[in-house]
Amino acid sequence: MTDSTLTLYRRAIEVYENNKVAVNGKNILINGSKASSYTFKMDYYWMMGDNRHNSLDSRYWGYVPEDHIVGKAMLTIFSTDSTKNVFSRVRWDRVLRPIE
């Protein structure tokens, strides 16, 4: 465990795995004991936003535990290419296609 890894994983360790994390100088303490490593109890996933304005993803709110996932994307409803002009922007070959 380092300051860098603690930044990435602290929320999961504290909130989802119910541990108390503290930093004492250069030492990282988990439940009062010095920790040089940590083994997660659950599986976690990185979630991606929908690429729309103000969309958030795991870069903002962190990794998501498996038991918090309630569904799976199955279909692309609409798709556009922002580099094209307004008349050829729609990607018709992707509209209403299944996601594999």
PDB file of N, CA and C in Angstrom:
ATOM      1  N   MET A   1       0.838  -1.174   0.000  1.00  0.00           N
ATOM      2  CA  MET A   1       0.000   0.000   0.000  1.00  0.00           C
ATOM      3  C   MET A   1       0.886   1.241   0.000  1.00  0.00           C
ATOM      4  N   THR A   2       0.555   2.173  -0.875  1.00  0.00           N
ATOM      5  CA  THR A   2       1.250   3.453  -0.951  1.00  0.00           C
ATOM      6  C   THR A   2       0.197   4.561  -0.990  1.00  0.00           C
ATOM      7  N   ASP A   3       0.653   5.793  -0.953  1.00  0.00           N
ATOM      8  CA  ASP A   3      -0.280   6.915  -1.071  1.00  0.00           C
ATOM      9  C   ASP A   3      -1.052   6.847  -2.386  1.00  0.00           C
ATOM     10  N   SER A   4      -0.386   6.447  -3.461  1.00  0.00           N
ATOM     11  CA  SER A   4      -1.028   6.361  -4.779  1.00  0.00           C
ATOM     12  C   SER A   4      -2.120   5.298  -4.811  1.00  0.00           C
ATOM     13  N   THR A   5      -1.818   4.109  -4.298  1.00  0.00           N
ATOM     14  CA  THR A   5      -2.829   3.047  -4.317  1.00  0.00           C
ATOM     15  C   THR A   5      -3.954   3.340  -3.327  1.00  0.00           C
ATOM     16  N   LEU A   6      -3.629   3.998  -2.234  1.00  0.00           N
ATOM     17  CA  LEU A   6      -4.665   4.353  -1.265  1.00  0.00           C
ATOM     18  C   LEU A   6      -5.663   5.322  -1.881  1.00  0.00           C
ATOM     19  N   THR A   7      -5.184   6.240  -2.708  1.00  0.00           N
ATOM     20  CA  THR A   7      -6.067   7.179  -3.397  1.00  0.00           C
ATOM     21  C   THR A   7      -7.067   6.428  -4.276  1.00  0.00           C
ATOM     22  N   LEU A   8      -6.619   5.391  -4.951  1.00  0.00           N
ATOM     23  CA  LEU A   8      -7.495   4.617  -5.838  1.00  0.00           C
ATOM     24  C   LEU A   8      -8.477   3.722  -5.089  1.00  0.00           C
ATOM     25  N   TYR A   9      -8.026   3.120  -4.009  1.00  0.00           N
ATOM     26  CA  TYR A   9      -8.797   2.048  -3.378  1.00  0.00           C
ATOM     27  C   TYR A   9      -9.409   2.383  -2.022  1.00  0.00           C
ATOM     28  N   ARG A  10      -9.135   3.552  -1.479  1.00  0.00           N
ATOM     29  CA  ARG A  10      -9.585   3.861  -0.121  1.00  0.00           C
ATOM     30  C   ARG A  10     -11.096   3.750   0.036  1.00  0.00           C
ATOM     31  N   ARG A  11     -11.848   4.295  -0.907  1.00  0.00           N
ATOM     32  CA  ARG A  11     -13.316   4.246  -0.796  1.00  0.00           C
ATOM     33  C   ARG A  11     -13.824   2.803  -0.736  1.00  0.00           C
ATOM     34  N   ALA A  12     -13.297   1.947  -1.589  1.00  0.00           N
ATOM     35  CA  ALA A  12     -13.726   0.542  -1.587  1.00  0.00           C
ATOM     36  C   ALA A  12     -13.369  -0.135  -0.269  1.00  0.00           C
ATOM     37  N   ILE A  13     -12.176   0.128   0.238  1.00  0.00           N
ATOM     38  CA  ILE A  13     -11.734  -0.503   1.486  1.00  0.00           C
ATOM     39  C   ILE A  13     -12.578  -0.029   2.664  1.00  0.00           C
ATOM     40  N   GLU A  14     -12.890   1.261   2.711  1.00  0.00           N
ATOM     41  CA  GLU A  14     -13.655   1.805   3.837  1.00  0.00           C
ATOM     42  C   GLU A  14     -15.159   1.577   3.704  1.00  0.00           C
ATOM     43  N   VAL A  15     -15.724   2.013   2.597  1.00  0.00           N
ATOM     44  CA  VAL A  15     -17.179   2.018   2.454  1.00  0.00           C
ATOM     45  C   VAL A  15     -17.750   0.635   2.178  1.00  0.00           C
ATOM     46  N   TYR A  16     -17.189  -0.064   1.190  1.00  0.00           N
ATOM     47  CA  TYR A  16     -17.777  -1.330   0.768  1.00  0.00           C
ATOM     48  C   TYR A  16     -17.286  -2.532   1.570  1.00  0.00           C
ATOM     49  N   GLU A  17     -16.092  -2.445   2.133  1.00  0.00           N
ATOM     50  CA  GLU A  17     -15.554  -3.583   2.879  1.00  0.00           C
ATOM     51  C   GLU A  17     -15.497  -3.308   4.380  1.00  0.00           C
ATOM     52  N   ASN A  18     -16.052  -2.175   4.803  1.00  0.00           N
ATOM     53  CA  ASN A  18     -16.235  -1.831   6.219  1.00  0.00           C
ATOM     54  C   ASN A  18     -14.964  -1.896   7.054  1.00  0.00           C
ATOM     55  N   ASN A  19     -13.907  -1.251   6.573  1.00  0.00           N
ATOM     56  CA  ASN A  19     -12.665  -1.150   7.327  1.00  0.00           C
ATOM     57  C   ASN A  19     -12.401   0.302   7.665  1.00  0.00           C
ATOM     58  N   LYS A  20     -11.637   0.532   8.733  1.00  0.00           N
ATOM     59  CA  LYS A  20     -11.227   1.891   9.104  1.00  0.00           C
ATOM     60  C   LYS A  20      -9.812   2.108   8.587  1.00  0.00           C
ATOM     61  N   VAL A  21      -9.641   3.127   7.748  1.00  0.00           N
ATOM     62  CA  VAL A  21      -8.336   3.426   7.160  1.00  0.00           C
ATOM     63  C   VAL A  21      -7.825   4.735   7.756  1.00  0.00           C
ATOM     64  N   ALA A  22      -6.555   4.730   8.162  1.00  0.00           N
ATOM     65  CA  ALA A  22      -5.918   5.933   8.686  1.00  0.00           C
ATOM     66  C   ALA A  22      -4.497   6.009   8.151  1.00  0.00           C
ATOM     67  N   VAL A  23      -3.979   7.222   8.081  1.00  0.00           N
ATOM     68  CA  VAL A  23      -2.600   7.436   7.654  1.00  0.00           C
ATOM     69  C   VAL A  23      -1.865   8.089   8.814  1.00  0.00           C
ATOM     70  N   ASN A  24      -0.763   7.461   9.234  1.00  0.00           N
ATOM     71  CA  ASN A  24       0.059   7.967  10.330  1.00  0.00           C
ATOM     72  C   ASN A  24       1.468   8.151   9.784  1.00  0.00           C
ATOM     73  N   GLY A  25       1.776   9.377   9.364  1.00  0.00           N
ATOM     74  CA  GLY A  25       3.064   9.624   8.719  1.00  0.00           C
ATOM     75  C   GLY A  25       3.106   8.931   7.378  1.00  0.00           C
ATOM     76  N   LYS A  26       4.058   8.011   7.209  1.00  0.00           N
ATOM     77  CA  LYS A  26       4.146   7.233   5.966  1.00  0.00           C
ATOM     78  C   LYS A  26       3.475   5.869   6.096  1.00  0.00           C
ATOM     79  N   ASN A  27       2.933   5.580   7.267  1.00  0.00           N
ATOM     80  CA  ASN A  27       2.293   4.287   7.513  1.00  0.00           C
ATOM     81  C   ASN A  27       0.797   4.363   7.205  1.00  0.00           C
ATOM     82  N   ILE A  28       0.285   3.322   6.562  1.00  0.00           N
ATOM     83  CA  ILE A  28      -1.139   3.197   6.304  1.00  0.00           C
ATOM     84  C   ILE A  28      -1.668   2.147   7.269  1.00  0.00           C
ATOM     85  N   LEU A  29      -2.692   2.537   8.024  1.00  0.00           N
ATOM     86  CA  LEU A  29      -3.275   1.638   9.009  1.00  0.00           C
ATOM     87  C   LEU A  29      -4.668   1.228   8.568  1.00  0.00           C
ATOM     88  N   ILE A  30      -4.920  -0.070   8.583  1.00  0.00           N
ATOM     89  CA  ILE A  30      -6.255  -0.596   8.302  1.00  0.00           C
ATOM     90  C   ILE A  30      -6.711  -1.298   9.558  1.00  0.00           C
ATOM     91  N   ASN A  31      -7.812  -0.801  10.116  1.00  0.00           N
ATOM     92  CA  ASN A  31      -8.345  -1.299  11.393  1.00  0.00           C
ATOM     93  C   ASN A  31      -7.276  -1.280  12.487  1.00  0.00           C
ATOM     94  N   GLY A  32      -6.451  -0.228  12.498  1.00  0.00           N
ATOM     95  CA  GLY A  32      -5.447  -0.044  13.537  1.00  0.00           C
ATOM     96  C   GLY A  32      -4.140  -0.779  13.334  1.00  0.00           C
ATOM     97  N   SER A  33      -4.041  -1.618  12.308  1.00  0.00           N
ATOM     98  CA  SER A  33      -2.816  -2.375  12.047  1.00  0.00           C
ATOM     99  C   SER A  33      -2.125  -1.837  10.802  1.00  0.00           C
ATOM    100  N   LYS A  34      -0.783  -1.767  10.858  1.00  0.00           N
ATOM    101  CA  LYS A  34      -0.014  -1.311   9.705  1.00  0.00           C
ATOM    102  C   LYS A  34      -0.236  -2.265   8.531  1.00  0.00           C
ATOM    103  N   ALA A  35      -0.499  -1.691   7.366  1.00  0.00           N
ATOM    104  CA  ALA A  35      -0.791  -2.504   6.176  1.00  0.00           C
ATOM    105  C   ALA A  35       0.210  -2.198   5.074  1.00  0.00           C
ATOM    106  N   SER A  36       0.900  -3.224   4.616  1.00  0.00           N
ATOM    107  CA  SER A  36       1.780  -3.057   3.460  1.00  0.00           C
ATOM    108  C   SER A  36       1.082  -3.560   2.194  1.00  0.00           C
ATOM    109  N   SER A  37      -0.004  -4.323   2.386  1.00  0.00           N
ATOM    110  CA  SER A  37      -0.813  -4.810   1.265  1.00  0.00           C
ATOM    111  C   SER A  37      -2.245  -4.999   1.754  1.00  0.00           C
ATOM    112  N   TYR A  38      -3.146  -5.206   0.799  1.00  0.00           N
ATOM    113  CA  TYR A  38      -4.545  -5.441   1.145  1.00  0.00           C
ATOM    114  C   TYR A  38      -5.139  -6.390   0.117  1.00  0.00           C
ATOM    115  N   THR A  39      -5.899  -7.376   0.564  1.00  0.00           N
ATOM    116  CA  THR A  39      -6.584  -8.305  -0.321  1.00  0.00           C
ATOM    117  C   THR A  39      -8.078  -8.017  -0.246  1.00  0.00           C
ATOM    118  N   PHE A  40      -8.665  -7.694  -1.384  1.00  0.00           N
ATOM    119  CA  PHE A  40     -10.086  -7.364  -1.412  1.00  0.00           C
ATOM    120  C   PHE A  40     -10.942  -8.598  -1.174  1.00  0.00           C
ATOM    121  N   LYS A  41     -12.067  -8.390  -0.496  1.00  0.00           N
ATOM    122  CA  LYS A  41     -12.999  -9.474  -0.178  1.00  0.00           C
ATOM    123  C   LYS A  41     -14.008  -9.702  -1.299  1.00  0.00           C
ATOM    124  N   MET A  42     -14.256  -8.659  -2.115  1.00  0.00           N
ATOM    125  CA  MET A  42     -15.244  -8.732  -3.188  1.00  0.00           C
ATOM    126  C   MET A  42     -14.583  -8.423  -4.527  1.00  0.00           C
ATOM    127  N   ASP A  43     -15.305  -8.702  -5.616  1.00  0.00           N
ATOM    128  CA  ASP A  43     -14.862  -8.327  -6.960  1.00  0.00           C
ATOM    129  C   ASP A  43     -15.374  -6.925  -7.262  1.00  0.00           C
ATOM    130  N   TYR A  44     -14.542  -6.115  -7.923  1.00  0.00           N
ATOM    131  CA  TYR A  44     -14.892  -4.737  -8.265  1.00  0.00           C
ATOM    132  C   TYR A  44     -14.759  -4.518  -9.759  1.00  0.00           C
ATOM    133  N   TYR A  45     -15.548  -3.566 -10.267  1.00  0.00           N
ATOM    134  CA  TYR A  45     -15.561  -3.267 -11.692  1.00  0.00           C
ATOM    135  C   TYR A  45     -15.393  -1.784 -11.926  1.00  0.00           C
ATOM    136  N   TRP A  46     -14.757  -1.452 -13.059  1.00  0.00           N
ATOM    137  CA  TRP A  46     -14.644  -0.074 -13.496  1.00  0.00           C
ATOM    138  C   TRP A  46     -15.819   0.177 -14.414  1.00  0.00           C
ATOM    139  N   MET A  47     -16.646   1.175 -14.104  1.00  0.00           N
ATOM    140  CA  MET A  47     -17.838   1.471 -14.899  1.00  0.00           C
ATOM    141  C   MET A  47     -17.612   2.701 -15.768  1.00  0.00           C
ATOM    142  N   MET A  48     -18.103   2.609 -16.976  1.00  0.00           N
ATOM    143  CA  MET A  48     -17.938   3.683 -17.942  1.00  0.00           C
ATOM    144  C   MET A  48     -19.237   4.457 -18.082  1.00  0.00           C
ATOM    145  N   GLY A  49     -19.128   5.781 -18.258  1.00  0.00           N
ATOM    146  CA  GLY A  49     -20.305   6.619 -18.479  1.00  0.00           C
ATOM    147  C   GLY A  49     -20.840   6.442 -19.883  1.00  0.00           C
ATOM    148  N   ASP A  50     -21.891   7.176 -20.191  1.00  0.00           N
ATOM    149  CA  ASP A  50     -22.520   7.030 -21.508  1.00  0.00           C
ATOM    150  C   ASP A  50     -21.984   8.023 -22.539  1.00  0.00           C
ATOM    151  N   ASN A  51     -20.878   8.742 -22.208  1.00  0.00           N
ATOM    152  CA  ASN A  51     -20.201   9.647 -23.128  1.00  0.00           C
ATOM    153  C   ASN A  51     -21.071  10.832 -23.532  1.00  0.00           C
ATOM    154  N   ARG A  52     -21.995  11.218 -22.685  1.00  0.00           N
ATOM    155  CA  ARG A  52     -22.818  12.396 -22.928  1.00  0.00           C
ATOM    156  C   ARG A  52     -22.282  13.544 -22.084  1.00  0.00           C
ATOM    157  N   HIS A  53     -22.780  14.723 -22.290  1.00  0.00           N
ATOM    158  CA  HIS A  53     -22.361  15.878 -21.490  1.00  0.00           C
ATOM    159  C   HIS A  53     -22.648  15.594 -20.014  1.00  0.00           C
ATOM    160  N   ASN A  54     -21.698  15.934 -19.158  1.00  0.00           N
ATOM    161  CA  ASN A  54     -21.808  15.753 -17.713  1.00  0.00           C
ATOM    162  C   ASN A  54     -21.943  14.295 -17.293  1.00  0.00           C
ATOM    163  N   SER A  55     -21.484  13.373 -18.115  1.00  0.00           N
ATOM    164  CA  SER A  55     -21.516  11.957 -17.776  1.00  0.00           C
ATOM    165  C   SER A  55     -20.375  11.644 -16.809  1.00  0.00           C
ATOM    166  N   LEU A  56     -20.662  10.855 -15.801  1.00  0.00           N
ATOM    167  CA  LEU A  56     -19.652  10.461 -14.830  1.00  0.00           C
ATOM    168  C   LEU A  56     -19.376   8.971 -14.958  1.00  0.00           C
ATOM    169  N   ASP A  57     -18.181   8.555 -14.553  1.00  0.00           N
ATOM    170  CA  ASP A  57     -17.834   7.149 -14.563  1.00  0.00           C
ATOM    171  C   ASP A  57     -16.905   6.866 -13.385  1.00  0.00           C
ATOM    172  N   SER A  58     -16.242   5.722 -13.396  1.00  0.00           N
ATOM    173  CA  SER A  58     -15.416   5.318 -12.259  1.00  0.00           C
ATOM    174  C   SER A  58     -14.237   6.242 -11.993  1.00  0.00           C
ATOM    175  N   ARG A  59     -13.869   7.076 -12.939  1.00  0.00           N
ATOM    176  CA  ARG A  59     -12.829   8.076 -12.648  1.00  0.00           C
ATOM    177  C   ARG A  59     -13.331   9.068 -11.618  1.00  0.00           C
ATOM    178  N   TYR A  60     -14.638   9.254 -11.543  1.00  0.00           N
ATOM    179  CA  TYR A  60     -15.235  10.197 -10.598  1.00  0.00           C
ATOM    180  C   TYR A  60     -15.628   9.516  -9.287  1.00  0.00           C
ATOM    181  N   TRP A  61     -16.381   8.382  -9.349  1.00  0.00           N
ATOM    182  CA  TRP A  61     -16.900   7.768  -8.135  1.00  0.00           C
ATOM    183  C   TRP A  61     -16.251   6.461  -7.749  1.00  0.00           C
ATOM    184  N   GLY A  62     -15.222   6.038  -8.437  1.00  0.00           N
ATOM    185  CA  GLY A  62     -14.453   4.871  -8.015  1.00  0.00           C
ATOM    186  C   GLY A  62     -14.997   3.546  -8.533  1.00  0.00           C
ATOM    187  N   TYR A  63     -14.342   2.489  -8.107  1.00  0.00           N
ATOM    188  CA  TYR A  63     -14.718   1.142  -8.525  1.00  0.00           C
ATOM    189  C   TYR A  63     -16.047   0.735  -7.897  1.00  0.00           C
ATOM    190  N   VAL A  64     -16.787  -0.131  -8.586  1.00  0.00           N
ATOM    191  CA  VAL A  64     -18.114  -0.550  -8.137  1.00  0.00           C
ATOM    192  C   VAL A  64     -18.070  -2.027  -7.745  1.00  0.00           C
ATOM    193  N   PRO A  65     -18.539  -2.369  -6.523  1.00  0.00           N
ATOM    194  CA  PRO A  65     -18.565  -3.778  -6.132  1.00  0.00           C
ATOM    195  C   PRO A  65     -19.590  -4.553  -6.961  1.00  0.00           C
ATOM    196  N   GLU A  66     -19.287  -5.806  -7.198  1.00  0.00           N
ATOM    197  CA  GLU A  66     -20.148  -6.645  -8.040  1.00  0.00           C
ATOM    198  C   GLU A  66     -21.589  -6.682  -7.552  1.00  0.00           C
ATOM    199  N   ASP A  67     -21.804  -6.677  -6.239  1.00  0.00           N
ATOM    200  CA  ASP A  67     -23.170  -6.772  -5.724  1.00  0.00           C
ATOM    201  C   ASP A  67     -23.978  -5.479  -5.912  1.00  0.00           C
ATOM    202  N   HIS A  68     -23.355  -4.417  -6.428  1.00  0.00           N
ATOM    203  CA  HIS A  68     -24.061  -3.172  -6.728  1.00  0.00           C
ATOM    204  C   HIS A  68     -24.494  -3.094  -8.194  1.00  0.00           C
ATOM    205  N   ILE A  69     -24.081  -4.039  -9.004  1.00  0.00           N
ATOM    206  CA  ILE A  69     -24.430  -4.029 -10.425  1.00  0.00           C
ATOM    207  C   ILE A  69     -25.812  -4.658 -10.584  1.00  0.00           C
ATOM    208  N   VAL A  70     -26.721  -3.910 -11.215  1.00  0.00           N
ATOM    209  CA  VAL A  70     -28.095  -4.380 -11.327  1.00  0.00           C
ATOM    210  C   VAL A  70     -28.530  -4.691 -12.749  1.00  0.00           C
ATOM    211  N   GLY A  71     -27.684  -4.454 -13.724  1.00  0.00           N
ATOM    212  CA  GLY A  71     -28.077  -4.714 -15.103  1.00  0.00           C
ATOM    213  C   GLY A  71     -26.897  -4.717 -16.038  1.00  0.00           C
ATOM    214  N   LYS A  72     -27.198  -4.913 -17.299  1.00  0.00           N
ATOM    215  CA  LYS A  72     -26.168  -4.970 -18.326  1.00  0.00           C
ATOM    216  C   LYS A  72     -26.702  -4.280 -19.578  1.00  0.00           C
ATOM    217  N   ALA A  73     -25.846  -3.471 -20.205  1.00  0.00           N
ATOM    218  CA  ALA A  73     -26.242  -2.838 -21.465  1.00  0.00           C
ATOM    219  C   ALA A  73     -26.393  -3.915 -22.526  1.00  0.00           C
ATOM    220  N   MET A  74     -27.488  -3.868 -23.271  1.00  0.00           N
ATOM    221  CA  MET A  74     -27.750  -4.907 -24.264  1.00  0.00           C
ATOM    222  C   MET A  74     -27.965  -4.367 -25.676  1.00  0.00           C
ATOM    223  N   LEU A  75     -28.255  -3.074 -25.798  1.00  0.00           N
ATOM    224  CA  LEU A  75     -28.663  -2.534 -27.083  1.00  0.00           C
ATOM    225  C   LEU A  75     -28.169  -1.100 -27.246  1.00  0.00           C
ATOM    226  N   THR A  76     -27.603  -0.792 -28.415  1.00  0.00           N
ATOM    227  CA  THR A  76     -27.271   0.589 -28.753  1.00  0.00           C
ATOM    228  C   THR A  76     -28.509   1.192 -29.381  1.00  0.00           C
ATOM    229  N   ILE A  77     -29.109   2.162 -28.702  1.00  0.00           N
ATOM    230  CA  ILE A  77     -30.338   2.756 -29.207  1.00  0.00           C
ATOM    231  C   ILE A  77     -30.050   3.783 -30.293  1.00  0.00           C
ATOM    232  N   PHE A  78     -29.049   4.645 -30.050  1.00  0.00           N
ATOM    233  CA  PHE A  78     -28.754   5.713 -30.999  1.00  0.00           C
ATOM    234  C   PHE A  78     -27.265   5.994 -30.950  1.00  0.00           C
ATOM    235  N   SER A  79     -26.656   6.293 -32.075  1.00  0.00           N
ATOM    236  CA  SER A  79     -25.225   6.553 -32.122  1.00  0.00           C
ATOM    237  C   SER A  79     -24.928   7.627 -33.163  1.00  0.00           C
ATOM    238  N   THR A  80     -24.089   8.613 -32.767  1.00  0.00           N
ATOM    239  CA  THR A  80     -23.707   9.673 -33.699  1.00  0.00           C
ATOM    240  C   THR A  80     -22.193   9.826 -33.719  1.00  0.00           C
ATOM    241  N   ASP A  81     -21.706  10.450 -34.770  1.00  0.00           N
ATOM    242  CA  ASP A  81     -20.288  10.745 -34.929  1.00  0.00           C
ATOM    243  C   ASP A  81     -20.132  12.263 -34.945  1.00  0.00           C
ATOM    244  N   SER A  82     -19.567  12.820 -33.887  1.00  0.00           N
ATOM    245  CA  SER A  82     -19.465  14.273 -33.751  1.00  0.00           C
ATOM    246  C   SER A  82     -18.491  14.896 -34.746  1.00  0.00           C
ATOM    247  N   THR A  83     -17.684  14.087 -35.432  1.00  0.00           N
ATOM    248  CA  THR A  83     -16.729  14.639 -36.405  1.00  0.00           C
ATOM    249  C   THR A  83     -17.353  14.848 -37.783  1.00  0.00           C
ATOM    250  N   LYS A  84     -18.543  14.333 -37.987  1.00  0.00           N
ATOM    251  CA  LYS A  84     -19.218  14.453 -39.290  1.00  0.00           C
ATOM    252  C   LYS A  84     -20.141  15.673 -39.301  1.00  0.00           C
ATOM    253  N   ASN A  85     -20.566  16.063 -40.506  1.00  0.00           N
ATOM    254  CA  ASN A  85     -21.499  17.189 -40.601  1.00  0.00           C
ATOM    255  C   ASN A  85     -22.890  16.737 -40.158  1.00  0.00           C
ATOM    256  N   VAL A  86     -23.765  17.686 -39.967  1.00  0.00           N
ATOM    257  CA  VAL A  86     -25.083  17.412 -39.404  1.00  0.00           C
ATOM    258  C   VAL A  86     -25.905  16.424 -40.251  1.00  0.00           C
ATOM    259  N   PHE A  87     -25.661  16.362 -41.544  1.00  0.00           N
ATOM    260  CA  PHE A  87     -26.456  15.497 -42.412  1.00  0.00           C
ATOM    261  C   PHE A  87     -25.966  14.043 -42.442  1.00  0.00           C
ATOM    262  N   SER A  88     -24.726  13.801 -42.064  1.00  0.00           N
ATOM    263  CA  SER A  88     -24.212  12.422 -42.077  1.00  0.00           C
ATOM    264  C   SER A  88     -23.718  11.983 -40.694  1.00  0.00           C
ATOM    265  N   ARG A  89     -24.197  12.620 -39.646  1.00  0.00           N
ATOM    266  CA  ARG A  89     -23.746  12.368 -38.287  1.00  0.00           C
ATOM    267  C   ARG A  89     -24.257  11.033 -37.707  1.00  0.00           C
ATOM    268  N   VAL A  90     -25.458  10.628 -38.037  1.00  0.00           N
ATOM    269  CA  VAL A  90     -26.037   9.408 -37.465  1.00  0.00           C
ATOM    270  C   VAL A  90     -25.311   8.181 -38.002  1.00  0.00           C
ATOM    271  N   ARG A  91     -24.915   7.285 -37.110  1.00  0.00           N
ATOM    272  CA  ARG A  91     -24.276   6.020 -37.502  1.00  0.00           C
ATOM    273  C   ARG A  91     -25.376   4.963 -37.637  1.00  0.00           C
ATOM    274  N   TRP A  92     -25.996   4.902 -38.783  1.00  0.00           N
ATOM    275  CA  TRP A  92     -27.151   4.025 -38.993  1.00  0.00           C
ATOM    276  C   TRP A  92     -26.798   2.547 -38.813  1.00  0.00           C
ATOM    277  N   ASP A  93     -25.540   2.177 -39.069  1.00  0.00           N
ATOM    278  CA  ASP A  93     -25.149   0.773 -38.928  1.00  0.00           C
ATOM    279  C   ASP A  93     -25.060   0.349 -37.460  1.00  0.00           C
ATOM    280  N   ARG A  94     -25.148   1.291 -36.519  1.00  0.00           N
ATOM    281  CA  ARG A  94     -25.078   0.959 -35.095  1.00  0.00           C
ATOM    282  C   ARG A  94     -26.410   1.133 -34.376  1.00  0.00           C
ATOM    283  N   VAL A  95     -27.368   1.805 -35.007  1.00  0.00           N
ATOM    284  CA  VAL A  95     -28.658   2.064 -34.372  1.00  0.00           C
ATOM    285  C   VAL A  95     -29.425   0.772 -34.167  1.00  0.00           C
ATOM    286  N   LEU A  96     -29.924   0.572 -32.949  1.00  0.00           N
ATOM    287  CA  LEU A  96     -30.718  -0.597 -32.535  1.00  0.00           C
ATOM    288  C   LEU A  96     -29.984  -1.923 -32.744  1.00  0.00           C
ATOM    289  N   ARG A  97     -28.674  -1.915 -32.544  1.00  0.00           N
ATOM    290  CA  ARG A  97     -27.863  -3.133 -32.654  1.00  0.00           C
ATOM    291  C   ARG A  97     -27.540  -3.674 -31.263  1.00  0.00           C
ATOM    292  N   PRO A  98     -27.465  -4.993 -31.119  1.00  0.00           N
ATOM    293  CA  PRO A  98     -27.096  -5.562 -29.817  1.00  0.00           C
ATOM    294  C   PRO A  98     -25.633  -5.274 -29.458  1.00  0.00           C
ATOM    295  N   ILE A  99     -25.365  -5.155 -28.170  1.00  0.00           N
ATOM    296  CA  ILE A  99     -24.014  -4.964 -27.670  1.00  0.00           C
ATOM    297  C   ILE A  99     -23.480  -6.324 -27.258  1.00  0.00           C
ATOM    298  N   GLU A 100     -22.338  -6.687 -27.768  1.00  0.00           N
ATOM    299  CA  GLU A 100     -21.767  -8.007 -27.432  1.00  0.00           C
ATOM    300  C   GLU A 100     -20.696  -7.874 -26.391  1.00  0.00           C
TER     301      GLU A 100
END
